[in-house]
Structures are given as structure tokens and as C-alpha cells.
N, C-alpha and C. Protein backbone atom coordinates (compact mmCIF):
# COMPACT_ATOMS: atom_id res chain seq x y z
N UNK A 1 -40.06 -31.51 4.35
CA UNK A 1 -40.66 -30.46 5.36
C UNK A 1 -40.27 -29.44 5.16
N UNK A 2 -38.96 -29.67 5.22
CA UNK A 2 -37.82 -28.42 5.60
C UNK A 2 -37.40 -27.57 4.23
N UNK A 3 -37.49 -28.20 2.62
CA UNK A 3 -37.35 -28.04 1.30
C UNK A 3 -38.82 -27.31 1.35
N UNK A 4 -39.79 -27.46 2.03
CA UNK A 4 -41.13 -26.98 1.51
C UNK A 4 -41.20 -25.50 2.54
N UNK A 5 -40.58 -25.63 3.27
CA UNK A 5 -40.57 -24.23 3.79
C UNK A 5 -39.58 -23.04 3.54
N UNK A 6 -38.28 -24.25 3.08
CA UNK A 6 -37.61 -23.10 2.12
C UNK A 6 -38.82 -22.76 1.20
N UNK A 7 -38.72 -23.36 0.31
CA UNK A 7 -39.51 -22.80 -1.18
C UNK A 7 -40.84 -21.89 -0.69
N UNK A 8 -41.46 -22.12 0.27
CA UNK A 8 -42.45 -20.76 0.67
C UNK A 8 -42.01 -19.92 1.24
N UNK A 9 -40.61 -19.96 2.18
CA UNK A 9 -40.21 -18.57 2.42
C UNK A 9 -39.78 -18.02 1.15
N UNK A 10 -38.81 -18.38 0.49
CA UNK A 10 -38.41 -17.84 -0.41
C UNK A 10 -39.32 -17.50 -1.97
N UNK A 11 -40.27 -18.05 -1.89
CA UNK A 11 -41.37 -17.18 -2.59
C UNK A 11 -42.07 -16.12 -2.41
N UNK A 12 -42.17 -16.10 -0.53
CA UNK A 12 -42.42 -14.67 0.40
C UNK A 12 -41.89 -13.32 -0.12
N UNK A 13 -40.19 -13.87 -0.37
CA UNK A 13 -39.22 -13.01 -0.34
C UNK A 13 -39.37 -12.29 -1.80
N UNK A 14 -39.72 -13.04 -2.61
CA UNK A 14 -39.59 -13.14 -3.96
C UNK A 14 -40.83 -12.11 -4.58
N UNK A 15 -42.19 -12.37 -3.75
CA UNK A 15 -43.02 -11.29 -3.76
C UNK A 15 -42.96 -9.97 -3.09
N UNK A 16 -43.22 -9.08 -3.99
CA UNK A 16 -43.18 -7.79 -3.38
C UNK A 16 -44.16 -7.51 -2.76
N UNK A 17 -45.24 -7.72 -2.58
CA UNK A 17 -46.36 -7.49 -1.62
C UNK A 17 -46.28 -7.98 -0.19
N UNK A 18 -45.56 -9.43 -0.22
CA UNK A 18 -45.13 -10.28 1.09
C UNK A 18 -44.19 -9.92 1.49
N UNK A 19 -42.85 -9.23 0.99
CA UNK A 19 -41.82 -9.08 1.48
C UNK A 19 -41.49 -8.53 2.44
N UNK A 20 -41.85 -7.27 2.42
CA UNK A 20 -41.88 -6.37 3.82
C UNK A 20 -42.40 -6.66 4.94
N UNK A 21 -43.03 -7.46 4.70
CA UNK A 21 -43.82 -8.74 6.10
C UNK A 21 -42.71 -9.50 6.56
N UNK A 22 -42.02 -10.32 5.66
CA UNK A 22 -41.30 -11.12 5.83
C UNK A 22 -40.02 -10.52 6.34
N UNK A 23 -39.74 -9.59 5.95
CA UNK A 23 -38.22 -8.76 6.34
C UNK A 23 -38.62 -8.52 7.59
N UNK A 24 -39.09 -7.86 8.36
CA UNK A 24 -40.15 -7.53 9.82
C UNK A 24 -39.86 -8.09 10.55
N UNK A 25 -40.52 -9.63 10.28
CA UNK A 25 -40.53 -10.43 10.66
C UNK A 25 -39.13 -11.42 11.29
N UNK A 26 -38.65 -11.25 10.08
CA UNK A 26 -36.97 -11.74 10.30
C UNK A 26 -35.83 -10.66 10.50
N UNK A 27 -36.03 -9.58 10.84
CA UNK A 27 -35.44 -8.53 11.55
C UNK A 27 -35.92 -8.64 13.37
N UNK A 28 -36.78 -8.64 13.69
CA UNK A 28 -37.26 -9.00 14.81
C UNK A 28 -37.13 -10.18 15.84
N UNK A 29 -37.22 -10.98 14.81
CA UNK A 29 -36.78 -12.50 15.42
C UNK A 29 -34.87 -12.35 15.43
N UNK A 30 -34.31 -11.96 14.29
CA UNK A 30 -32.46 -11.51 14.91
C UNK A 30 -32.63 -10.46 15.63
N UNK A 31 -33.54 -10.00 16.52
CA UNK A 31 -32.83 -9.02 17.71
C UNK A 31 -32.88 -8.01 17.25
N UNK A 32 -33.07 -7.13 15.99
CA UNK A 32 -33.12 -5.59 15.72
C UNK A 32 -33.75 -4.92 17.02
N UNK A 33 -34.93 -5.38 17.44
CA UNK A 33 -35.41 -4.01 18.21
C UNK A 33 -34.26 -3.72 19.15
N UNK A 34 -33.49 -4.54 19.43
CA UNK A 34 -32.31 -4.05 20.94
C UNK A 34 -31.69 -2.62 20.14
N UNK A 35 -31.48 -2.44 18.93
CA UNK A 35 -30.89 -1.58 18.10
C UNK A 35 -31.79 -0.46 17.52
N UNK A 36 -32.86 -0.66 16.49
CA UNK A 36 -33.55 -0.15 16.20
C UNK A 36 -35.17 -0.29 16.69
N UNK A 37 -35.96 1.28 16.42
CA UNK A 37 -37.10 1.15 17.61
C UNK A 37 -38.03 0.46 16.10
N UNK A 38 -39.21 0.14 16.72
CA UNK A 38 -40.30 -0.48 16.01
C UNK A 38 -40.68 0.16 14.39
N UNK A 39 -40.46 1.32 14.94
CA UNK A 39 -40.81 2.50 13.68
C UNK A 39 -39.71 2.46 12.53
N UNK A 40 -38.36 2.16 12.69
CA UNK A 40 -37.61 1.82 12.03
C UNK A 40 -37.46 0.75 11.74
N UNK A 41 -37.56 -0.37 12.17
CA UNK A 41 -37.91 -1.66 11.29
C UNK A 41 -38.85 -1.91 10.14
N UNK A 42 -39.84 -1.31 10.94
CA UNK A 42 -40.81 -1.22 9.51
C UNK A 42 -40.94 -0.32 8.38
N UNK A 43 -39.58 0.90 9.31
CA UNK A 43 -39.22 1.30 7.72
C UNK A 43 -38.21 0.35 6.75
N UNK A 44 -37.48 0.37 7.34
CA UNK A 44 -36.44 -0.84 6.57
C UNK A 44 -37.30 -1.70 6.30
N UNK A 45 -37.85 -2.26 6.65
CA UNK A 45 -38.92 -3.78 6.01
C UNK A 45 -39.55 -2.80 4.74
N UNK A 46 -40.16 -1.83 4.57
CA UNK A 46 -41.34 -1.33 3.41
C UNK A 46 -40.07 -0.87 2.21
N UNK A 47 -38.63 -0.75 2.99
CA UNK A 47 -38.07 0.02 1.88
C UNK A 47 -37.45 -1.55 0.98
N UNK A 48 -37.50 -2.59 1.10
CA UNK A 48 -37.09 -3.58 0.35
C UNK A 48 -37.50 -3.76 -0.91
N UNK A 49 -38.64 -3.16 -1.47
CA UNK A 49 -38.78 -3.33 -2.72
C UNK A 49 -38.33 -1.74 -3.87
N UNK A 50 -37.94 -2.11 -4.59
CA UNK A 50 -37.71 -0.97 -6.09
C UNK A 50 -38.59 0.05 -5.74
N UNK A 51 -39.99 -0.31 -5.68
CA UNK A 51 -41.07 0.97 -6.07
C UNK A 51 -40.53 1.73 -4.77
N UNK A 52 -40.47 0.99 -3.27
CA UNK A 52 -40.44 1.87 -2.07
C UNK A 52 -39.39 2.72 -2.47
N UNK A 53 -38.39 2.42 -3.17
CA UNK A 53 -37.22 3.01 -2.39
C UNK A 53 -37.54 4.10 -3.57
N UNK A 54 -38.04 4.09 -4.73
CA UNK A 54 -38.01 5.17 -5.66
C UNK A 54 -38.57 6.39 -5.16
N UNK A 55 -40.20 5.79 -4.28
CA UNK A 55 -41.19 6.69 -3.35
C UNK A 55 -39.99 7.60 -2.65
N UNK A 56 -39.63 6.85 -1.61
CA UNK A 56 -38.66 7.75 -0.77
C UNK A 56 -37.50 8.32 -0.87
N UNK A 57 -37.17 8.23 -2.25
CA UNK A 57 -35.52 8.52 -2.94
C UNK A 57 -35.57 9.72 -2.27
N UNK A 58 -36.18 10.97 -2.21
CA UNK A 58 -35.89 12.10 -2.12
C UNK A 58 -35.73 12.49 -0.01
N UNK A 59 -36.41 11.44 0.30
CA UNK A 59 -36.42 11.32 1.89
C UNK A 59 -35.29 10.89 2.83
N UNK A 60 -34.84 10.05 1.58
CA UNK A 60 -33.74 8.62 2.01
C UNK A 60 -32.49 9.72 1.73
N UNK A 61 -32.29 10.48 0.35
CA UNK A 61 -31.63 11.67 0.05
C UNK A 61 -31.13 12.60 1.33
N UNK A 62 -31.91 13.00 1.73
CA UNK A 62 -31.84 13.86 2.83
C UNK A 62 -31.59 13.23 3.86
N UNK A 63 -31.91 12.02 4.30
CA UNK A 63 -31.30 11.54 5.40
C UNK A 63 -30.12 11.33 5.51
N UNK A 64 -29.48 10.47 4.11
CA UNK A 64 -28.19 10.11 3.92
C UNK A 64 -27.12 11.16 3.92
N UNK A 65 -27.53 12.39 3.35
CA UNK A 65 -26.83 13.13 2.98
C UNK A 65 -25.82 13.76 3.84
N UNK A 66 -26.02 13.95 5.35
CA UNK A 66 -24.98 14.39 6.23
C UNK A 66 -24.04 13.02 6.73
N UNK A 67 -24.42 12.21 6.52
CA UNK A 67 -23.88 10.96 6.25
C UNK A 67 -22.69 11.07 5.13
N UNK A 68 -23.52 10.46 4.30
CA UNK A 68 -22.18 11.14 2.72
C UNK A 68 -21.25 12.27 2.76
N UNK A 69 -21.58 13.52 3.50
CA UNK A 69 -20.91 15.06 3.59
C UNK A 69 -19.74 14.01 4.72
N UNK A 70 -20.06 13.51 5.47
CA UNK A 70 -19.20 13.19 6.52
C UNK A 70 -17.87 11.93 6.15
N UNK A 71 -18.68 11.48 5.27
CA UNK A 71 -17.69 10.07 4.84
C UNK A 71 -16.94 11.05 3.44
N UNK A 72 -17.22 12.19 3.14
CA UNK A 72 -15.62 12.72 2.28
C UNK A 72 -14.65 13.07 2.71
N UNK A 73 -14.69 13.40 3.95
CA UNK A 73 -13.99 13.96 4.93
C UNK A 73 -12.76 12.84 6.02
N UNK A 74 -11.67 12.78 6.08
CA UNK A 74 -10.84 11.77 7.10
C UNK A 74 -11.53 11.78 8.35
N UNK A 75 -11.74 13.22 9.10
CA UNK A 75 -12.67 13.07 10.50
C UNK A 75 -13.86 12.77 10.37
N UNK A 76 -14.50 13.16 9.45
CA UNK A 76 -15.97 12.56 9.50
C UNK A 76 -16.04 10.79 9.16
N UNK A 77 -15.13 10.32 8.40
CA UNK A 77 -15.22 9.07 8.43
C UNK A 77 -14.45 7.98 9.65
N UNK A 78 -13.72 8.42 10.58
CA UNK A 78 -13.65 8.76 11.65
C UNK A 78 -14.38 8.58 12.97
N UNK A 79 -15.48 9.69 12.37
CA UNK A 79 -16.76 9.75 13.62
C UNK A 79 -17.67 8.31 13.02
N UNK A 80 -18.16 8.93 11.74
CA UNK A 80 -18.48 7.00 11.46
C UNK A 80 -18.51 5.88 11.80
N UNK A 81 -17.05 5.54 11.66
CA UNK A 81 -16.90 4.51 12.17
C UNK A 81 -17.13 3.97 13.91
N UNK A 82 -16.30 5.14 14.33
CA UNK A 82 -16.92 5.08 15.92
C UNK A 82 -18.40 5.02 15.97
N UNK A 83 -19.20 5.71 15.71
CA UNK A 83 -20.62 5.48 15.60
C UNK A 83 -20.99 4.09 15.21
N UNK A 84 -20.86 3.40 13.73
CA UNK A 84 -20.99 2.44 13.70
C UNK A 84 -20.87 1.41 15.14
N UNK A 85 -19.47 1.05 15.24
CA UNK A 85 -19.12 0.31 16.17
C UNK A 85 -20.16 0.55 17.58
N UNK A 86 -20.24 1.81 17.93
CA UNK A 86 -21.35 2.01 19.24
C UNK A 86 -22.55 1.29 19.03
N UNK A 87 -23.10 1.96 18.09
CA UNK A 87 -24.50 1.53 17.05
C UNK A 87 -24.83 0.20 17.12
N UNK A 88 -23.88 -0.33 16.44
CA UNK A 88 -24.03 -1.78 15.10
C UNK A 88 -23.02 -2.54 15.62
N UNK A 89 -21.67 -2.35 16.18
CA UNK A 89 -20.98 -3.80 15.94
C UNK A 89 -21.14 -4.20 17.55
N UNK A 90 -21.12 -3.62 18.74
CA UNK A 90 -21.31 -3.72 19.98
C UNK A 90 -22.35 -4.13 20.04
N UNK A 91 -23.26 -3.78 20.20
CA UNK A 91 -24.66 -4.97 20.70
C UNK A 91 -24.90 -6.34 19.48
N UNK A 92 -24.57 -6.08 18.06
CA UNK A 92 -24.41 -7.19 17.55
C UNK A 92 -23.79 -8.42 18.22
N UNK A 93 -22.42 -7.88 18.69
CA UNK A 93 -21.17 -8.80 19.24
C UNK A 93 -22.24 -9.72 20.73
N UNK A 94 -22.70 -8.58 21.31
CA UNK A 94 -23.16 -9.25 22.63
C UNK A 94 -24.77 -10.03 22.33
N UNK A 95 -25.23 -9.73 20.92
CA UNK A 95 -26.20 -10.78 21.16
C UNK A 95 -25.97 -12.56 20.67
N UNK A 96 -24.59 -12.46 19.60
CA UNK A 96 -23.97 -13.35 18.77
C UNK A 96 -23.21 -14.07 19.79
N UNK A 97 -22.68 -13.14 20.74
CA UNK A 97 -21.66 -13.80 20.89
C UNK A 97 -21.90 -15.52 22.02
N UNK A 98 -22.78 -15.38 22.45
CA UNK A 98 -23.35 -17.01 23.36
C UNK A 98 -23.57 -17.62 22.39
N UNK A 99 -23.78 -17.90 20.39
CA UNK A 99 -24.34 -18.38 19.69
C UNK A 99 -22.60 -19.25 19.24
N UNK A 100 -21.66 -18.47 19.07
CA UNK A 100 -20.20 -18.64 18.44
C UNK A 100 -19.08 -19.28 19.45
N UNK A 101 -19.84 -18.99 20.81
CA UNK A 101 -18.92 -18.98 21.32
C UNK A 101 -18.36 -20.65 21.24
N UNK A 102 -18.90 -21.83 21.18
CA UNK A 102 -18.61 -23.04 21.29
C UNK A 102 -17.74 -23.57 20.17
N UNK A 103 -18.07 -22.36 18.95
CA UNK A 103 -17.42 -22.60 17.78
C UNK A 103 -16.29 -22.18 17.88
N UNK A 104 -16.08 -20.70 18.20
CA UNK A 104 -14.67 -20.47 18.64
C UNK A 104 -13.59 -21.38 19.35
N UNK A 105 -14.49 -21.71 20.61
CA UNK A 105 -13.69 -23.14 21.35
C UNK A 105 -13.04 -24.15 20.69
N UNK A 106 -13.95 -24.60 19.93
CA UNK A 106 -13.36 -25.98 19.25
C UNK A 106 -12.55 -25.40 18.26
N UNK A 107 -12.51 -23.98 17.28
CA UNK A 107 -11.49 -24.21 16.78
C UNK A 107 -10.08 -23.63 17.25
N UNK A 108 -9.90 -23.30 18.56
CA UNK A 108 -8.85 -22.81 19.25
C UNK A 108 -8.74 -24.04 20.10
N UNK A 109 -8.93 -25.06 19.98
CA UNK A 109 -8.77 -26.70 20.56
C UNK A 109 -8.18 -27.04 19.81
N UNK A 110 -8.58 -27.09 17.99
CA UNK A 110 -7.99 -28.33 17.00
C UNK A 110 -7.61 -27.36 16.64
N UNK A 111 -7.47 -25.94 15.99
CA UNK A 111 -6.47 -25.54 15.29
C UNK A 111 -5.59 -24.35 15.97
N UNK A 112 -6.11 -23.54 16.75
CA UNK A 112 -5.05 -22.71 17.17
C UNK A 112 -3.75 -23.27 17.99
N UNK A 113 -4.29 -24.17 18.81
CA UNK A 113 -3.41 -24.51 19.78
C UNK A 113 -2.12 -25.61 19.00
N UNK A 114 -3.02 -26.94 18.41
CA UNK A 114 -1.78 -27.03 17.40
C UNK A 114 -0.98 -26.39 16.80
N UNK A 115 -1.64 -25.41 16.02
CA UNK A 115 -0.85 -24.65 15.20
C UNK A 115 0.32 -24.22 16.18
N UNK A 116 0.24 -23.71 17.03
CA UNK A 116 1.04 -22.91 18.27
C UNK A 116 2.30 -24.01 18.82
N UNK A 117 1.68 -25.19 19.10
CA UNK A 117 2.76 -26.01 19.44
C UNK A 117 3.33 -26.57 18.08
N UNK A 118 2.67 -26.39 16.92
CA UNK A 118 3.94 -26.94 15.81
C UNK A 118 4.95 -25.85 15.34
N UNK A 119 4.45 -24.27 15.71
CA UNK A 119 5.60 -23.21 15.46
C UNK A 119 6.46 -22.59 16.65
N UNK A 120 5.97 -23.26 17.74
CA UNK A 120 6.72 -22.63 18.70
C UNK A 120 8.20 -22.74 18.36
N UNK A 121 8.84 -23.86 17.98
CA UNK A 121 10.64 -24.04 17.81
C UNK A 121 10.80 -23.18 16.74
N UNK A 122 10.13 -22.92 15.55
CA UNK A 122 10.42 -21.68 14.81
C UNK A 122 10.56 -20.17 15.02
N UNK A 123 9.30 -19.78 16.27
CA UNK A 123 9.67 -18.74 16.86
C UNK A 123 10.58 -18.56 18.00
N UNK A 124 10.99 -19.78 18.46
CA UNK A 124 12.05 -19.65 19.36
C UNK A 124 13.26 -19.24 18.70
N UNK A 125 13.54 -19.83 17.41
CA UNK A 125 14.78 -19.89 16.75
C UNK A 125 14.82 -18.66 16.44
N UNK A 126 13.24 -18.16 15.86
CA UNK A 126 13.76 -16.80 15.03
C UNK A 126 13.75 -15.70 16.29
N UNK A 127 13.12 -15.42 17.27
CA UNK A 127 13.52 -14.96 18.61
C UNK A 127 14.99 -14.74 18.61
N UNK A 128 15.66 -15.59 18.87
CA UNK A 128 17.04 -15.52 19.06
C UNK A 128 17.80 -15.47 18.38
N UNK A 129 17.80 -14.87 16.97
CA UNK A 129 17.89 -15.11 16.03
C UNK A 129 17.80 -13.14 15.79
N UNK A 130 17.05 -13.07 15.98
CA UNK A 130 16.33 -11.23 15.81
C UNK A 130 17.50 -10.69 17.16
N UNK A 131 17.34 -11.22 18.53
CA UNK A 131 17.80 -11.09 19.65
C UNK A 131 19.62 -11.08 18.99
N UNK A 132 19.82 -11.93 18.38
CA UNK A 132 21.43 -11.94 18.38
C UNK A 132 21.74 -10.74 17.01
N UNK A 133 21.02 -10.39 16.20
CA UNK A 133 21.20 -9.65 15.52
C UNK A 133 21.54 -7.76 15.95
N UNK A 134 20.18 -7.88 17.23
CA UNK A 134 20.17 -6.74 17.97
C UNK A 134 21.65 -6.41 18.45
N UNK A 135 21.71 -7.55 19.15
CA UNK A 135 23.21 -7.52 19.82
C UNK A 135 24.23 -7.21 18.94
N UNK A 136 24.11 -7.53 17.90
CA UNK A 136 25.52 -7.96 17.27
C UNK A 136 26.75 -6.45 17.20
N UNK A 137 27.70 -6.75 17.32
CA UNK A 137 29.16 -5.11 17.23
C UNK A 137 28.41 -4.48 15.88
N UNK A 138 28.69 -5.26 14.43
CA UNK A 138 28.65 -4.87 12.95
C UNK A 138 27.04 -4.55 12.73
N UNK A 139 26.35 -4.40 13.54
CA UNK A 139 24.75 -3.43 13.45
C UNK A 139 24.63 -2.20 13.32
N UNK A 140 24.46 -1.36 12.24
CA UNK A 140 24.13 0.06 12.04
C UNK A 140 23.23 0.33 12.33
N UNK A 141 23.23 1.87 13.30
CA UNK A 141 22.04 1.97 13.73
C UNK A 141 21.41 3.19 13.06
């Protein structure tokens, strides 16, 4: 049953007539409406075919040009990073956090804590050596 579902979904994605609808449903299912308006979700879904991209090329170029100009200068890149963080990264983290937290907890319990315990004597030795070097009278400032 699952293989048939995957096969059907894949064939719908490969078909250029059904792809926009499938992408739109997937975006809504993933919570894109929290970040994008329904109009923008529909636009993104419609641009999943080469022909649609070619048809909207000039319009997209006009929309993208300010971002491309910002990307050319360091201040603009910083602005783009801040904008991306506010509009994309933070909302995505809020949506995804409840789902990944059990895995993070498990990784901390199985990997991080044992590794910290294993490395603790070496870190302590390194700290004492670094302190001894800092306090050494032969140290050149």
C-alpha cells in the first residue's frame, strides 16, 4: 500500500499538469500559510514547471532584482540575512521544535553526555596546562 502511494505521488510530481496542485497541497500541509499568504503559496506552486518559469521570467526578474542588488554589497547581505532569519528561520523553528525535541533529548542522553564525561579529564588537564602557561614567568607578552 505504501509503495503504491509513493508511486502515485511521484507520478503526480513528474506530471507537469498535476505538479502545481501537489506542491500547493504539500506546502499547506507543511505549514507554509503561517509564512506565506495563499496567493503566494499558489504562485510558488505554479512556478514548479519550466514553462511557468519561462512565462514569469521577466516578472520574477523584476521582483528579484532588488534582492540581487542587495546581495552584491556586504550591508545588503547582512540585511538579507536578518530578513531571512525573521521571516523564515524563526517561524520554521517554532513549527519544527515540538517534532524534533524528542530526538534532540535522545541525542543529548546517548551522545553528548557520555562524550562530555569521557572528555572531562582531558579538558581539565588542558585548563590546568593553559593556566600554568598564562602564569609562567617565561611568558612573553
